[in-house]
Amino acid sequence: MVATLTVPASIEKVILDFDGRVEPFDKYSVGRELNAARDALVDPTDSENCGAWAEVLAFALETGPHNQNSWNS
């Protein structure tokens, strides 16, 4: 089984907005806005759901302080 990823337009809008900013921002701000856009999706297709989660997880999975892995994964 191969999953298809389609990034929903609302998620892409968040990414493009941050890409165009000249003022500093942190990964937490990006993650918050991506997660809010994912939460706002109404009846996404399986492909859109996978694409949205892929973008959100890119900013959610990280190591802890001093590169400690909080999930032991």
N, C-alpha and C. Protein backbone atom coordinates (compact mmCIF):
# COMPACT_ATOMS: atom_id res chain seq x y z
N MET A 1 0.84 -1.19 0.00
CA MET A 1 0.00 0.00 0.00
C MET A 1 0.88 1.24 0.00
N VAL A 2 0.62 2.15 -0.90
CA VAL A 2 1.37 3.39 -1.01
C VAL A 2 0.42 4.54 -0.67
N ALA A 3 0.83 5.34 0.31
CA ALA A 3 0.02 6.49 0.69
C ALA A 3 0.38 7.68 -0.20
N THR A 4 -0.62 8.38 -0.64
CA THR A 4 -0.42 9.58 -1.45
C THR A 4 -0.54 10.79 -0.53
N LEU A 5 0.35 11.74 -0.70
CA LEU A 5 0.31 12.96 0.10
C LEU A 5 -0.10 14.13 -0.77
N THR A 6 -1.09 14.85 -0.32
CA THR A 6 -1.50 16.09 -0.97
C THR A 6 -1.57 17.14 0.12
N VAL A 7 -0.76 18.17 0.00
CA VAL A 7 -0.78 19.23 1.00
C VAL A 7 -1.99 20.12 0.72
N PRO A 8 -2.91 20.22 1.68
CA PRO A 8 -4.10 21.06 1.48
C PRO A 8 -3.70 22.53 1.28
N ALA A 9 -4.51 23.25 0.52
CA ALA A 9 -4.23 24.66 0.21
C ALA A 9 -4.05 25.50 1.47
N SER A 10 -4.83 25.24 2.51
CA SER A 10 -4.72 26.04 3.73
C SER A 10 -3.38 25.81 4.44
N ILE A 11 -2.86 24.60 4.36
CA ILE A 11 -1.55 24.29 4.94
C ILE A 11 -0.46 24.95 4.10
N GLU A 12 -0.59 24.86 2.78
CA GLU A 12 0.38 25.49 1.88
C GLU A 12 0.40 26.99 2.08
N LYS A 13 -0.76 27.60 2.35
CA LYS A 13 -0.83 29.04 2.59
C LYS A 13 0.00 29.42 3.81
N VAL A 14 -0.09 28.64 4.88
CA VAL A 14 0.71 28.91 6.08
C VAL A 14 2.20 28.84 5.75
N ILE A 15 2.59 27.82 5.02
CA ILE A 15 3.99 27.65 4.66
C ILE A 15 4.48 28.82 3.82
N LEU A 16 3.70 29.22 2.82
CA LEU A 16 4.09 30.33 1.96
C LEU A 16 4.14 31.64 2.74
N ASP A 17 3.23 31.82 3.70
CA ASP A 17 3.25 33.02 4.53
C ASP A 17 4.56 33.11 5.31
N PHE A 18 4.95 32.04 5.96
CA PHE A 18 6.21 32.06 6.70
C PHE A 18 7.40 32.21 5.77
N ASP A 19 7.34 31.59 4.61
CA ASP A 19 8.43 31.67 3.65
C ASP A 19 8.66 33.11 3.18
N GLY A 20 7.60 33.90 3.14
CA GLY A 20 7.71 35.28 2.67
C GLY A 20 8.01 36.30 3.76
N ARG A 21 8.05 35.89 4.99
CA ARG A 21 8.30 36.84 6.09
C ARG A 21 9.76 37.27 6.13
N VAL A 22 9.95 38.54 6.48
CA VAL A 22 11.32 39.04 6.66
C VAL A 22 11.67 39.15 8.14
N GLU A 23 10.66 39.25 8.99
CA GLU A 23 10.91 39.32 10.43
C GLU A 23 11.19 37.92 10.97
N PRO A 24 11.97 37.85 12.04
CA PRO A 24 12.31 36.53 12.62
C PRO A 24 11.07 35.83 13.19
N PHE A 25 11.10 34.51 13.13
CA PHE A 25 10.06 33.68 13.75
C PHE A 25 10.73 32.38 14.16
N ASP A 26 10.06 31.65 15.05
CA ASP A 26 10.64 30.39 15.50
C ASP A 26 9.80 29.20 15.03
N LYS A 27 10.37 28.02 15.17
CA LYS A 27 9.69 26.81 14.69
C LYS A 27 8.39 26.55 15.45
N TYR A 28 8.28 27.07 16.67
CA TYR A 28 7.06 26.88 17.44
C TYR A 28 5.89 27.65 16.84
N SER A 29 6.18 28.84 16.32
CA SER A 29 5.15 29.64 15.66
C SER A 29 4.65 28.94 14.41
N VAL A 30 5.58 28.40 13.63
CA VAL A 30 5.21 27.67 12.42
C VAL A 30 4.35 26.46 12.80
N GLY A 31 4.81 25.70 13.78
CA GLY A 31 4.09 24.51 14.22
C GLY A 31 2.69 24.83 14.70
N ARG A 32 2.54 25.90 15.48
CA ARG A 32 1.22 26.29 15.99
C ARG A 32 0.26 26.61 14.84
N GLU A 33 0.73 27.41 13.88
CA GLU A 33 -0.15 27.81 12.78
C GLU A 33 -0.48 26.63 11.86
N LEU A 34 0.50 25.75 11.64
CA LEU A 34 0.22 24.56 10.83
C LEU A 34 -0.79 23.66 11.52
N ASN A 35 -0.62 23.48 12.82
CA ASN A 35 -1.56 22.64 13.57
C ASN A 35 -2.96 23.24 13.57
N ALA A 36 -3.06 24.56 13.71
CA ALA A 36 -4.37 25.21 13.67
C ALA A 36 -5.02 25.02 12.30
N ALA A 37 -4.23 25.14 11.24
CA ALA A 37 -4.78 24.94 9.89
C ALA A 37 -5.21 23.50 9.69
N ARG A 38 -4.45 22.55 10.24
CA ARG A 38 -4.83 21.14 10.13
C ARG A 38 -6.11 20.89 10.90
N ASP A 39 -6.22 21.45 12.10
CA ASP A 39 -7.44 21.28 12.91
C ASP A 39 -8.67 21.86 12.21
N ALA A 40 -8.48 22.89 11.39
CA ALA A 40 -9.60 23.56 10.73
C ALA A 40 -10.06 22.84 9.46
N LEU A 41 -9.33 21.83 9.01
CA LEU A 41 -9.74 21.11 7.80
C LEU A 41 -11.10 20.45 8.02
N VAL A 42 -11.95 20.56 7.04
CA VAL A 42 -13.28 19.95 7.09
C VAL A 42 -13.33 18.82 6.05
N ASP A 43 -13.54 17.62 6.54
CA ASP A 43 -13.63 16.43 5.68
C ASP A 43 -12.49 16.30 4.67
N PRO A 44 -11.23 16.33 5.15
CA PRO A 44 -10.13 16.16 4.20
C PRO A 44 -10.12 14.74 3.64
N THR A 45 -9.62 14.61 2.42
CA THR A 45 -9.45 13.28 1.85
C THR A 45 -8.32 12.58 2.60
N ASP A 46 -8.18 11.29 2.42
CA ASP A 46 -7.07 10.57 3.05
C ASP A 46 -5.73 11.17 2.62
N SER A 47 -5.61 11.51 1.37
CA SER A 47 -4.39 12.09 0.83
C SER A 47 -4.09 13.45 1.47
N GLU A 48 -5.13 14.28 1.63
CA GLU A 48 -4.96 15.59 2.27
C GLU A 48 -4.63 15.44 3.75
N ASN A 49 -5.25 14.48 4.41
CA ASN A 49 -4.97 14.24 5.82
C ASN A 49 -3.51 13.83 6.00
N CYS A 50 -3.02 12.94 5.16
CA CYS A 50 -1.62 12.51 5.23
C CYS A 50 -0.69 13.69 4.95
N GLY A 51 -1.00 14.50 3.96
CA GLY A 51 -0.17 15.66 3.63
C GLY A 51 -0.14 16.68 4.74
N ALA A 52 -1.30 16.92 5.36
CA ALA A 52 -1.36 17.87 6.47
C ALA A 52 -0.54 17.38 7.65
N TRP A 53 -0.68 16.10 7.99
CA TRP A 53 0.08 15.55 9.11
C TRP A 53 1.58 15.57 8.83
N ALA A 54 1.97 15.32 7.59
CA ALA A 54 3.40 15.34 7.25
C ALA A 54 3.99 16.72 7.52
N GLU A 55 3.27 17.77 7.16
CA GLU A 55 3.77 19.12 7.40
C GLU A 55 3.78 19.46 8.89
N VAL A 56 2.73 19.10 9.61
CA VAL A 56 2.65 19.39 11.05
C VAL A 56 3.76 18.64 11.80
N LEU A 57 3.94 17.37 11.49
CA LEU A 57 4.94 16.57 12.20
C LEU A 57 6.37 17.03 11.95
N ALA A 58 6.60 17.65 10.82
CA ALA A 58 7.95 18.17 10.54
C ALA A 58 8.37 19.19 11.59
N PHE A 59 7.42 19.86 12.20
CA PHE A 59 7.74 20.86 13.22
C PHE A 59 7.43 20.37 14.63
N ALA A 60 6.91 19.17 14.76
CA ALA A 60 6.56 18.64 16.08
C ALA A 60 7.57 17.63 16.61
N LEU A 61 8.23 16.92 15.73
CA LEU A 61 9.19 15.90 16.17
C LEU A 61 10.57 16.53 16.28
N GLU A 62 11.08 16.56 17.46
CA GLU A 62 12.39 17.15 17.70
C GLU A 62 13.02 16.54 18.93
N THR A 63 14.28 16.75 19.07
CA THR A 63 14.97 16.28 20.26
C THR A 63 14.77 17.30 21.38
N GLY A 64 14.96 16.86 22.60
CA GLY A 64 14.84 17.74 23.75
C GLY A 64 16.12 18.55 23.96
N PRO A 65 16.22 19.21 25.09
CA PRO A 65 17.41 19.99 25.38
C PRO A 65 18.65 19.10 25.34
N HIS A 66 19.71 19.63 24.81
CA HIS A 66 20.98 18.91 24.73
C HIS A 66 20.83 17.64 23.92
N ASN A 67 19.96 17.68 22.90
CA ASN A 67 19.72 16.54 22.00
C ASN A 67 19.20 15.30 22.70
N GLN A 68 18.53 15.46 23.83
CA GLN A 68 17.92 14.32 24.50
C GLN A 68 16.59 14.01 23.82
N ASN A 69 16.37 12.75 23.56
CA ASN A 69 15.16 12.34 22.89
C ASN A 69 14.08 12.06 23.93
N SER A 70 13.06 12.90 23.92
CA SER A 70 12.01 12.76 24.95
C SER A 70 11.11 11.55 24.72
N TRP A 71 11.11 10.96 23.54
CA TRP A 71 10.24 9.84 23.25
C TRP A 71 11.00 8.52 23.19
N ASN A 72 12.29 8.56 23.38
CA ASN A 72 13.13 7.36 23.28
C ASN A 72 12.92 6.61 21.98
N SER A 73 12.76 7.37 20.91
CA SER A 73 12.58 6.74 19.60
C SER A 73 13.75 7.05 18.70
